[in-house]
PDB file of all heavy atoms in Angstrom:
ATOM      1  N   TYR A   1       0.822  -1.218   0.000  1.00  0.00           N
ATOM      2  CA  TYR A   1       0.000   0.000   0.000  1.00  0.00           C
ATOM      3  C   TYR A   1       0.856   1.269   0.000  1.00  0.00           C
ATOM      4  O   TYR A   1       0.441   2.304  -0.501  1.00  0.00           O
ATOM      5  CB  TYR A   1      -0.938   0.037   1.207  1.00  0.00           C
ATOM      6  CG  TYR A   1      -2.163  -0.834   1.089  1.00  0.00           C
ATOM      7  CD1 TYR A   1      -2.599  -1.578   2.171  1.00  0.00           C
ATOM      8  CD2 TYR A   1      -2.902  -0.903  -0.086  1.00  0.00           C
ATOM      9  CE1 TYR A   1      -3.727  -2.371   2.087  1.00  0.00           C
ATOM     10  CE2 TYR A   1      -4.027  -1.692  -0.185  1.00  0.00           C
ATOM     11  CZ  TYR A   1      -4.439  -2.427   0.903  1.00  0.00           C
ATOM     12  OH  TYR A   1      -5.555  -3.208   0.820  1.00  0.00           O
ATOM     13  N   PHE A   2       2.021   1.209   0.582  1.00  0.00           N
ATOM     14  CA  PHE A   2       2.884   2.387   0.643  1.00  0.00           C
ATOM     15  C   PHE A   2       3.436   2.776  -0.731  1.00  0.00           C
ATOM     16  O   PHE A   2       3.861   3.901  -0.924  1.00  0.00           O
ATOM     17  CB  PHE A   2       4.044   2.165   1.625  1.00  0.00           C
ATOM     18  CG  PHE A   2       3.614   2.177   3.056  1.00  0.00           C
ATOM     19  CD1 PHE A   2       3.588   1.003   3.798  1.00  0.00           C
ATOM     20  CD2 PHE A   2       3.232   3.355   3.676  1.00  0.00           C
ATOM     21  CE1 PHE A   2       3.199   1.004   5.124  1.00  0.00           C
ATOM     22  CE2 PHE A   2       2.830   3.367   5.008  1.00  0.00           C
ATOM     23  CZ  PHE A   2       2.816   2.197   5.728  1.00  0.00           C
ATOM     24  N   PHE A   3       3.433   1.845  -1.689  1.00  0.00           N
ATOM     25  CA  PHE A   3       3.955   2.118  -3.012  1.00  0.00           C
ATOM     26  C   PHE A   3       2.883   2.593  -3.990  1.00  0.00           C
ATOM     27  O   PHE A   3       3.189   2.891  -5.134  1.00  0.00           O
ATOM     28  CB  PHE A   3       4.668   0.881  -3.571  1.00  0.00           C
ATOM     29  CG  PHE A   3       5.890   0.516  -2.779  1.00  0.00           C
ATOM     30  CD1 PHE A   3       5.901  -0.620  -1.978  1.00  0.00           C
ATOM     31  CD2 PHE A   3       7.025   1.306  -2.826  1.00  0.00           C
ATOM     32  CE1 PHE A   3       7.016  -0.958  -1.246  1.00  0.00           C
ATOM     33  CE2 PHE A   3       8.143   0.970  -2.093  1.00  0.00           C
ATOM     34  CZ  PHE A   3       8.137  -0.160  -1.296  1.00  0.00           C
ATOM     35  N   GLU A   4       1.635   2.677  -3.532  1.00  0.00           N
ATOM     36  CA  GLU A   4       0.560   3.184  -4.386  1.00  0.00           C
ATOM     37  C   GLU A   4       0.550   4.704  -4.349  1.00  0.00           C
ATOM     38  O   GLU A   4       0.956   5.322  -3.369  1.00  0.00           O
ATOM     39  CB  GLU A   4      -0.793   2.647  -3.918  1.00  0.00           C
ATOM     40  CG  GLU A   4      -0.962   1.163  -4.147  1.00  0.00           C
ATOM     41  CD  GLU A   4      -2.328   0.662  -3.716  1.00  0.00           C
ATOM     42  OE1 GLU A   4      -3.146   1.462  -3.240  1.00  0.00           O
ATOM     43  OE2 GLU A   4      -2.561  -0.542  -3.858  1.00  0.00           O
ATOM     44  N   ASP A   5       0.051   5.304  -5.401  1.00  0.00           N
ATOM     45  CA  ASP A   5       0.001   6.761  -5.486  1.00  0.00           C
ATOM     46  C   ASP A   5      -1.310   7.335  -4.967  1.00  0.00           C
ATOM     47  O   ASP A   5      -1.516   8.542  -5.024  1.00  0.00           O
ATOM     48  CB  ASP A   5       0.206   7.206  -6.943  1.00  0.00           C
ATOM     49  CG  ASP A   5       1.615   6.917  -7.427  1.00  0.00           C
ATOM     50  OD1 ASP A   5       2.522   6.882  -6.569  1.00  0.00           O
ATOM     51  OD2 ASP A   5       1.804   6.727  -8.638  1.00  0.00           O
ATOM     52  N   ASP A   6      -2.183   6.509  -4.448  1.00  0.00           N
ATOM     53  CA  ASP A   6      -3.489   6.971  -3.969  1.00  0.00           C
ATOM     54  C   ASP A   6      -3.313   7.712  -2.647  1.00  0.00           C
ATOM     55  O   ASP A   6      -2.860   7.158  -1.656  1.00  0.00           O
ATOM     56  CB  ASP A   6      -4.425   5.779  -3.792  1.00  0.00           C
ATOM     57  CG  ASP A   6      -5.870   6.199  -3.609  1.00  0.00           C
ATOM     58  OD1 ASP A   6      -6.158   7.401  -3.711  1.00  0.00           O
ATOM     59  OD2 ASP A   6      -6.700   5.306  -3.381  1.00  0.00           O
ATOM     60  N   THR A   7      -3.674   8.974  -2.619  1.00  0.00           N
ATOM     61  CA  THR A   7      -3.507   9.784  -1.401  1.00  0.00           C
ATOM     62  C   THR A   7      -4.682   9.641  -0.444  1.00  0.00           C
ATOM     63  O   THR A   7      -4.630  10.136   0.668  1.00  0.00           O
ATOM     64  CB  THR A   7      -3.337  11.273  -1.764  1.00  0.00           C
ATOM     65  OG1 THR A   7      -4.473  11.685  -2.526  1.00  0.00           O
ATOM     66  CG2 THR A   7      -2.063  11.495  -2.547  1.00  0.00           C
ATOM     67  N   LYS A   8      -5.758   8.966  -0.871  1.00  0.00           N
ATOM     68  CA  LYS A   8      -6.918   8.772   0.002  1.00  0.00           C
ATOM     69  C   LYS A   8      -6.631   7.763   1.118  1.00  0.00           C
ATOM     70  O   LYS A   8      -7.233   7.813   2.163  1.00  0.00           O
ATOM     71  CB  LYS A   8      -8.120   8.281  -0.801  1.00  0.00           C
ATOM     72  CG  LYS A   8      -8.640   9.270  -1.804  1.00  0.00           C
ATOM     73  CD  LYS A   8      -9.782   8.653  -2.582  1.00  0.00           C
ATOM     74  CE  LYS A   8     -10.205   9.550  -3.726  1.00  0.00           C
ATOM     75  NZ  LYS A   8     -11.232   8.912  -4.554  1.00  0.00           N
ATOM     76  N   LEU A   9      -5.723   6.848   0.858  1.00  0.00           N
ATOM     77  CA  LEU A   9      -5.430   5.786   1.822  1.00  0.00           C
ATOM     78  C   LEU A   9      -4.404   6.272   2.841  1.00  0.00           C
ATOM     79  O   LEU A   9      -3.215   6.018   2.714  1.00  0.00           O
ATOM     80  CB  LEU A   9      -4.908   4.544   1.094  1.00  0.00           C
ATOM     81  CG  LEU A   9      -5.807   3.942   0.020  1.00  0.00           C
ATOM     82  CD1 LEU A   9      -5.092   2.821  -0.697  1.00  0.00           C
ATOM     83  CD2 LEU A   9      -7.083   3.429   0.648  1.00  0.00           C
ATOM     84  N   LYS A  10      -4.863   6.928   3.871  1.00  0.00           N
ATOM     85  CA  LYS A  10      -3.927   7.453   4.863  1.00  0.00           C
ATOM     86  C   LYS A  10      -3.689   6.485   6.009  1.00  0.00           C
ATOM     87  O   LYS A  10      -2.592   6.374   6.507  1.00  0.00           O
ATOM     88  CB  LYS A  10      -4.442   8.784   5.399  1.00  0.00           C
ATOM     89  CG  LYS A  10      -4.454   9.866   4.353  1.00  0.00           C
ATOM     90  CD  LYS A  10      -4.884  11.172   4.927  1.00  0.00           C
ATOM     91  CE  LYS A  10      -4.863  12.229   3.836  1.00  0.00           C
ATOM     92  NZ  LYS A  10      -5.259  13.524   4.292  1.00  0.00           N
ATOM     93  N   TYR A  11      -4.729   5.800   6.459  1.00  0.00           N
ATOM     94  CA  TYR A  11      -4.604   4.941   7.629  1.00  0.00           C
ATOM     95  C   TYR A  11      -4.534   3.458   7.271  1.00  0.00           C
ATOM     96  O   TYR A  11      -4.024   2.658   8.029  1.00  0.00           O
ATOM     97  CB  TYR A  11      -5.784   5.170   8.580  1.00  0.00           C
ATOM     98  CG  TYR A  11      -7.118   4.821   7.979  1.00  0.00           C
ATOM     99  CD1 TYR A  11      -7.623   3.534   8.096  1.00  0.00           C
ATOM    100  CD2 TYR A  11      -7.862   5.744   7.274  1.00  0.00           C
ATOM    101  CE1 TYR A  11      -8.826   3.183   7.540  1.00  0.00           C
ATOM    102  CE2 TYR A  11      -9.075   5.417   6.708  1.00  0.00           C
ATOM    103  CZ  TYR A  11      -9.557   4.123   6.852  1.00  0.00           C
ATOM    104  OH  TYR A  11     -10.749   3.788   6.298  1.00  0.00           O
ATOM    105  N   LYS A  12      -5.044   3.070   6.122  1.00  0.00           N
ATOM    106  CA  LYS A  12      -5.132   1.667   5.730  1.00  0.00           C
ATOM    107  C   LYS A  12      -3.776   0.956   5.700  1.00  0.00           C
ATOM    108  O   LYS A  12      -3.658  -0.158   6.234  1.00  0.00           O
ATOM    109  CB  LYS A  12      -5.834   1.561   4.376  1.00  0.00           C
ATOM    110  CG  LYS A  12      -6.279   0.171   4.033  1.00  0.00           C
ATOM    111  CD  LYS A  12      -7.105   0.197   2.755  1.00  0.00           C
ATOM    112  CE  LYS A  12      -7.673  -1.162   2.453  1.00  0.00           C
ATOM    113  NZ  LYS A  12      -8.503  -1.133   1.244  1.00  0.00           N
ATOM    114  N   PRO A  13      -2.727   1.533   5.125  1.00  0.00           N
ATOM    115  CA  PRO A  13      -1.440   0.816   5.111  1.00  0.00           C
ATOM    116  C   PRO A  13      -0.897   0.540   6.507  1.00  0.00           C
ATOM    117  O   PRO A  13      -0.327  -0.512   6.763  1.00  0.00           O
ATOM    118  CB  PRO A  13      -0.499   1.764   4.361  1.00  0.00           C
ATOM    119  CG  PRO A  13      -1.352   2.744   3.676  1.00  0.00           C
ATOM    120  CD  PRO A  13      -2.657   2.777   4.387  1.00  0.00           C
ATOM    121  N   TYR A  14      -1.119   1.472   7.417  1.00  0.00           N
ATOM    122  CA  TYR A  14      -0.610   1.299   8.780  1.00  0.00           C
ATOM    123  C   TYR A  14      -1.370   0.200   9.516  1.00  0.00           C
ATOM    124  O   TYR A  14      -0.759  -0.620  10.218  1.00  0.00           O
ATOM    125  CB  TYR A  14      -0.690   2.618   9.554  1.00  0.00           C
ATOM    126  CG  TYR A  14       0.137   3.709   8.924  1.00  0.00           C
ATOM    127  CD1 TYR A  14      -0.451   4.738   8.201  1.00  0.00           C
ATOM    128  CD2 TYR A  14       1.525   3.695   9.027  1.00  0.00           C
ATOM    129  CE1 TYR A  14       0.305   5.737   7.617  1.00  0.00           C
ATOM    130  CE2 TYR A  14       2.299   4.671   8.450  1.00  0.00           C
ATOM    131  CZ  TYR A  14       1.694   5.691   7.735  1.00  0.00           C
ATOM    132  OH  TYR A  14       2.455   6.661   7.159  1.00  0.00           O
ATOM    133  N   ILE A  15      -2.681   0.167   9.361  1.00  0.00           N
ATOM    134  CA  ILE A  15      -3.490  -0.853  10.042  1.00  0.00           C
ATOM    135  C   ILE A  15      -3.137  -2.247   9.532  1.00  0.00           C
ATOM    136  O   ILE A  15      -2.937  -3.181  10.325  1.00  0.00           O
ATOM    137  CB  ILE A  15      -4.998  -0.555   9.854  1.00  0.00           C
ATOM    138  CG1 ILE A  15      -5.366   0.693  10.635  1.00  0.00           C
ATOM    139  CG2 ILE A  15      -5.841  -1.743  10.302  1.00  0.00           C
ATOM    140  CD1 ILE A  15      -6.783   1.159  10.439  1.00  0.00           C
ATOM    141  N   VAL A  16      -3.026  -2.402   8.227  1.00  0.00           N
ATOM    142  CA  VAL A  16      -2.713  -3.716   7.646  1.00  0.00           C
ATOM    143  C   VAL A  16      -1.298  -4.144   8.021  1.00  0.00           C
ATOM    144  O   VAL A  16      -1.056  -5.313   8.340  1.00  0.00           O
ATOM    145  CB  VAL A  16      -2.925  -3.688   6.118  1.00  0.00           C
ATOM    146  CG1 VAL A  16      -2.482  -4.987   5.475  1.00  0.00           C
ATOM    147  CG2 VAL A  16      -4.386  -3.412   5.796  1.00  0.00           C
ATOM    148  N   THR A  17      -0.354  -3.222   8.030  1.00  0.00           N
ATOM    149  CA  THR A  17       1.025  -3.534   8.417  1.00  0.00           C
ATOM    150  C   THR A  17       1.086  -3.940   9.886  1.00  0.00           C
ATOM    151  O   THR A  17       1.763  -4.914  10.241  1.00  0.00           O
ATOM    152  CB  THR A  17       1.944  -2.328   8.142  1.00  0.00           C
ATOM    153  OG1 THR A  17       1.845  -1.973   6.765  1.00  0.00           O
ATOM    154  CG2 THR A  17       3.388  -2.661   8.478  1.00  0.00           C
ATOM    155  N   ILE A  18       0.380  -3.230  10.736  1.00  0.00           N
ATOM    156  CA  ILE A  18       0.342  -3.581  12.167  1.00  0.00           C
ATOM    157  C   ILE A  18      -0.299  -4.945  12.366  1.00  0.00           C
ATOM    158  O   ILE A  18       0.160  -5.735  13.214  1.00  0.00           O
ATOM    159  CB  ILE A  18      -0.380  -2.482  12.971  1.00  0.00           C
ATOM    160  CG1 ILE A  18       0.500  -1.232  13.028  1.00  0.00           C
ATOM    161  CG2 ILE A  18      -0.737  -2.958  14.372  1.00  0.00           C
ATOM    162  CD1 ILE A  18      -0.179  -0.009  13.601  1.00  0.00           C
ATOM    163  N   LEU A  19      -1.328  -5.266  11.584  1.00  0.00           N
ATOM    164  CA  LEU A  19      -1.952  -6.586  11.654  1.00  0.00           C
ATOM    165  C   LEU A  19      -0.946  -7.679  11.295  1.00  0.00           C
ATOM    166  O   LEU A  19      -0.861  -8.710  11.976  1.00  0.00           O
ATOM    167  CB  LEU A  19      -3.166  -6.639  10.724  1.00  0.00           C
ATOM    168  CG  LEU A  19      -3.984  -7.915  10.732  1.00  0.00           C
ATOM    169  CD1 LEU A  19      -4.613  -8.140  12.098  1.00  0.00           C
ATOM    170  CD2 LEU A  19      -5.050  -7.855   9.660  1.00  0.00           C
ATOM    171  N   GLY A  20      -0.165  -7.458  10.251  1.00  0.00           N
ATOM    172  CA  GLY A  20       0.859  -8.423   9.858  1.00  0.00           C
ATOM    173  C   GLY A  20       1.916  -8.600  10.930  1.00  0.00           C
ATOM    174  O   GLY A  20       2.325  -9.721  11.242  1.00  0.00           O
ATOM    175  N   ILE A  21       2.364  -7.505  11.515  1.00  0.00           N
ATOM    176  CA  ILE A  21       3.367  -7.569  12.583  1.00  0.00           C
ATOM    177  C   ILE A  21       2.799  -8.300  13.800  1.00  0.00           C
ATOM    178  O   ILE A  21       3.498  -9.090  14.440  1.00  0.00           O
ATOM    179  CB  ILE A  21       3.860  -6.152  12.942  1.00  0.00           C
ATOM    180  CG1 ILE A  21       4.688  -5.580  11.784  1.00  0.00           C
ATOM    181  CG2 ILE A  21       4.673  -6.159  14.227  1.00  0.00           C
ATOM    182  CD1 ILE A  21       5.020  -4.109  11.918  1.00  0.00           C
ATOM    183  N   THR A  22       1.517  -8.075  14.087  1.00  0.00           N
ATOM    184  CA  THR A  22       0.870  -8.744  15.218  1.00  0.00           C
ATOM    185  C   THR A  22       0.842 -10.254  15.016  1.00  0.00           C
ATOM    186  O   THR A  22       1.148 -11.015  15.940  1.00  0.00           O
ATOM    187  CB  THR A  22      -0.560  -8.203  15.414  1.00  0.00           C
ATOM    188  OG1 THR A  22      -0.506  -6.797  15.615  1.00  0.00           O
ATOM    189  CG2 THR A  22      -1.231  -8.861  16.598  1.00  0.00           C
ATOM    190  N   TYR A  23       0.492 -10.708  13.815  1.00  0.00           N
ATOM    191  CA  TYR A  23       0.506 -12.148  13.537  1.00  0.00           C
ATOM    192  C   TYR A  23       1.914 -12.734  13.641  1.00  0.00           C
ATOM    193  O   TYR A  23       2.091 -13.847  14.148  1.00  0.00           O
ATOM    194  CB  TYR A  23      -0.074 -12.444  12.147  1.00  0.00           C
ATOM    195  CG  TYR A  23      -1.564 -12.667  12.153  1.00  0.00           C
ATOM    196  CD1 TYR A  23      -2.418 -11.732  11.601  1.00  0.00           C
ATOM    197  CD2 TYR A  23      -2.121 -13.818  12.696  1.00  0.00           C
ATOM    198  CE1 TYR A  23      -3.782 -11.929  11.602  1.00  0.00           C
ATOM    199  CE2 TYR A  23      -3.481 -14.031  12.695  1.00  0.00           C
ATOM    200  CZ  TYR A  23      -4.311 -13.082  12.150  1.00  0.00           C
ATOM    201  OH  TYR A  23      -5.665 -13.275  12.149  1.00  0.00           O
ATOM    202  N   LEU A  24       2.912 -12.003  13.171  1.00  0.00           N
ATOM    203  CA  LEU A  24       4.288 -12.494  13.282  1.00  0.00           C
ATOM    204  C   LEU A  24       4.734 -12.576  14.742  1.00  0.00           C
ATOM    205  O   LEU A  24       5.396 -13.539  15.152  1.00  0.00           O
ATOM    206  CB  LEU A  24       5.241 -11.604  12.483  1.00  0.00           C
ATOM    207  CG  LEU A  24       5.105 -11.691  10.968  1.00  0.00           C
ATOM    208  CD1 LEU A  24       6.013 -10.674  10.290  1.00  0.00           C
ATOM    209  CD2 LEU A  24       5.416 -13.096  10.475  1.00  0.00           C
ATOM    210  N   LEU A  25       4.363 -11.580  15.543  1.00  0.00           N
ATOM    211  CA  LEU A  25       4.696 -11.613  16.968  1.00  0.00           C
ATOM    212  C   LEU A  25       3.968 -12.745  17.672  1.00  0.00           C
ATOM    213  O   LEU A  25       4.527 -13.403  18.560  1.00  0.00           O
ATOM    214  CB  LEU A  25       4.369 -10.269  17.624  1.00  0.00           C
ATOM    215  CG  LEU A  25       5.261  -9.103  17.219  1.00  0.00           C
ATOM    216  CD1 LEU A  25       4.745  -7.796  17.828  1.00  0.00           C
ATOM    217  CD2 LEU A  25       6.701  -9.358  17.623  1.00  0.00           C
ATOM    218  N   LEU A  26       2.711 -13.000  17.285  1.00  0.00           N
ATOM    219  CA  LEU A  26       1.962 -14.116  17.852  1.00  0.00           C
ATOM    220  C   LEU A  26       2.635 -15.442  17.516  1.00  0.00           C
ATOM    221  O   LEU A  26       2.756 -16.323  18.370  1.00  0.00           O
ATOM    222  CB  LEU A  26       0.525 -14.089  17.326  1.00  0.00           C
ATOM    223  CG  LEU A  26      -0.431 -15.120  17.889  1.00  0.00           C
ATOM    224  CD1 LEU A  26      -0.612 -14.926  19.394  1.00  0.00           C
ATOM    225  CD2 LEU A  26      -1.774 -15.023  17.189  1.00  0.00           C
ATOM    226  N   PHE A  27       3.098 -15.582  16.268  1.00  0.00           N
ATOM    227  CA  PHE A  27       3.831 -16.784  15.882  1.00  0.00           C
ATOM    228  C   PHE A  27       5.067 -16.971  16.759  1.00  0.00           C
ATOM    229  O   PHE A  27       5.311 -18.051  17.293  1.00  0.00           O
ATOM    230  CB  PHE A  27       4.245 -16.721  14.410  1.00  0.00           C
ATOM    231  CG  PHE A  27       5.301 -17.720  14.037  1.00  0.00           C
ATOM    232  CD1 PHE A  27       4.985 -19.052  13.871  1.00  0.00           C
ATOM    233  CD2 PHE A  27       6.631 -17.327  13.883  1.00  0.00           C
ATOM    234  CE1 PHE A  27       5.961 -19.981  13.541  1.00  0.00           C
ATOM    235  CE2 PHE A  27       7.610 -18.238  13.557  1.00  0.00           C
ATOM    236  CZ  PHE A  27       7.274 -19.574  13.387  1.00  0.00           C
ATOM    237  N   LEU A  28       5.865 -15.913  16.915  1.00  0.00           N
ATOM    238  CA  LEU A  28       7.085 -16.016  17.721  1.00  0.00           C
ATOM    239  C   LEU A  28       6.781 -16.333  19.178  1.00  0.00           C
ATOM    240  O   LEU A  28       7.462 -17.151  19.801  1.00  0.00           O
ATOM    241  CB  LEU A  28       7.894 -14.715  17.617  1.00  0.00           C
ATOM    242  CG  LEU A  28       8.537 -14.446  16.266  1.00  0.00           C
ATOM    243  CD1 LEU A  28       9.151 -13.045  16.237  1.00  0.00           C
ATOM    244  CD2 LEU A  28       9.579 -15.500  15.953  1.00  0.00           C
ATOM    245  N   TYR A  29       5.765 -15.688  19.735  1.00  0.00           N
ATOM    246  CA  TYR A  29       5.393 -15.925  21.134  1.00  0.00           C
ATOM    247  C   TYR A  29       4.954 -17.370  21.343  1.00  0.00           C
ATOM    248  O   TYR A  29       5.412 -18.041  22.272  1.00  0.00           O
ATOM    249  CB  TYR A  29       4.276 -14.965  21.558  1.00  0.00           C
ATOM    250  CG  TYR A  29       3.800 -15.196  22.969  1.00  0.00           C
ATOM    251  CD1 TYR A  29       4.531 -14.707  24.049  1.00  0.00           C
ATOM    252  CD2 TYR A  29       2.646 -15.911  23.223  1.00  0.00           C
ATOM    253  CE1 TYR A  29       4.119 -14.926  25.353  1.00  0.00           C
ATOM    254  CE2 TYR A  29       2.227 -16.137  24.528  1.00  0.00           C
ATOM    255  CZ  TYR A  29       2.958 -15.642  25.581  1.00  0.00           C
ATOM    256  OH  TYR A  29       2.542 -15.876  26.866  1.00  0.00           O
ATOM    257  N   GLU A  30       4.065 -17.870  20.480  1.00  0.00           N
ATOM    258  CA  GLU A  30       3.566 -19.238  20.635  1.00  0.00           C
ATOM    259  C   GLU A  30       4.650 -20.276  20.340  1.00  0.00           C
ATOM    260  O   GLU A  30       4.643 -21.356  20.931  1.00  0.00           O
ATOM    261  CB  GLU A  30       2.347 -19.466  19.746  1.00  0.00           C
ATOM    262  CG  GLU A  30       1.132 -18.715  20.241  1.00  0.00           C
ATOM    263  CD  GLU A  30      -0.100 -18.918  19.376  1.00  0.00           C
ATOM    264  OE1 GLU A  30       0.013 -19.499  18.268  1.00  0.00           O
ATOM    265  OE2 GLU A  30      -1.168 -18.475  19.811  1.00  0.00           O
ATOM    266  N   PHE A  31       5.571 -19.962  19.453  1.00  0.00           N
ATOM    267  CA  PHE A  31       6.664 -20.896  19.161  1.00  0.00           C
ATOM    268  C   PHE A  31       7.602 -20.999  20.350  1.00  0.00           C
ATOM    269  O   PHE A  31       8.052 -22.077  20.714  1.00  0.00           O
ATOM    270  CB  PHE A  31       7.423 -20.432  17.916  1.00  0.00           C
ATOM    271  CG  PHE A  31       8.537 -21.352  17.523  1.00  0.00           C
ATOM    272  CD1 PHE A  31       8.265 -22.543  16.881  1.00  0.00           C
ATOM    273  CD2 PHE A  31       9.852 -21.024  17.795  1.00  0.00           C
ATOM    274  CE1 PHE A  31       9.282 -23.403  16.513  1.00  0.00           C
ATOM    275  CE2 PHE A  31      10.885 -21.868  17.436  1.00  0.00           C
ATOM    276  CZ  PHE A  31      10.595 -23.074  16.795  1.00  0.00           C
ATOM    277  N   LYS A  32       7.884 -19.875  20.982  1.00  0.00           N
ATOM    278  CA  LYS A  32       8.830 -19.850  22.098  1.00  0.00           C
ATOM    279  C   LYS A  32       8.195 -20.305  23.412  1.00  0.00           C
ATOM    280  O   LYS A  32       8.787 -21.072  24.161  1.00  0.00           O
ATOM    281  CB  LYS A  32       9.397 -18.450  22.259  1.00  0.00           C
ATOM    282  CG  LYS A  32      10.445 -18.325  23.344  1.00  0.00           C
ATOM    283  CD  LYS A  32      11.201 -17.047  23.225  1.00  0.00           C
ATOM    284  CE  LYS A  32      12.145 -16.777  24.341  1.00  0.00           C
ATOM    285  NZ  LYS A  32      12.936 -17.852  24.817  1.00  0.00           N
ATOM    286  N   GLN A  33       6.989 -19.842  23.706  1.00  0.00           N
ATOM    287  CA  GLN A  33       6.377 -20.096  25.013  1.00  0.00           C
ATOM    288  C   GLN A  33       5.674 -21.442  25.122  1.00  0.00           C
ATOM    289  O   GLN A  33       5.387 -21.876  26.219  1.00  0.00           O
ATOM    290  CB  GLN A  33       5.375 -18.985  25.361  1.00  0.00           C
ATOM    291  CG  GLN A  33       6.021 -17.702  25.752  1.00  0.00           C
ATOM    292  CD  GLN A  33       6.849 -17.836  27.007  1.00  0.00           C
ATOM    293  OE1 GLN A  33       6.462 -18.515  27.950  1.00  0.00           O
ATOM    294  NE2 GLN A  33       7.996 -17.198  27.024  1.00  0.00           N
TER     295      GLN A  33
END
Protein backbone atom coordinates (compact mmCIF):
# COMPACT_ATOMS: atom_id res chain seq x y z
CA TYR A 1 0.00 0.00 0.00
CA PHE A 2 2.88 2.39 0.64
CA PHE A 3 3.96 2.12 -3.01
CA GLU A 4 0.56 3.18 -4.39
CA ASP A 5 0.00 6.76 -5.49
CA ASP A 6 -3.49 6.97 -3.97
CA THR A 7 -3.51 9.78 -1.40
CA LYS A 8 -6.92 8.77 0.00
CA LEU A 9 -5.43 5.79 1.82
CA LYS A 10 -3.93 7.45 4.86
CA TYR A 11 -4.60 4.94 7.63
CA LYS A 12 -5.13 1.67 5.73
CA PRO A 13 -1.44 0.82 5.11
CA TYR A 14 -0.61 1.30 8.78
CA ILE A 15 -3.49 -0.85 10.04
CA VAL A 16 -2.71 -3.72 7.65
CA THR A 17 1.03 -3.53 8.42
CA ILE A 18 0.34 -3.58 12.17
CA LEU A 19 -1.95 -6.59 11.65
CA GLY A 20 0.86 -8.42 9.86
CA ILE A 21 3.37 -7.57 12.58
CA THR A 22 0.87 -8.74 15.22
CA TYR A 23 0.51 -12.15 13.54
CA LEU A 24 4.29 -12.49 13.28
CA LEU A 25 4.70 -11.61 16.97
CA LEU A 26 1.96 -14.12 17.85
CA PHE A 27 3.83 -16.78 15.88
CA LEU A 28 7.08 -16.02 17.72
CA TYR A 29 5.39 -15.92 21.13
CA GLU A 30 3.57 -19.24 20.64
CA PHE A 31 6.66 -20.90 19.16
CA LYS A 32 8.83 -19.85 22.10
CA GLN A 33 6.38 -20.10 25.01
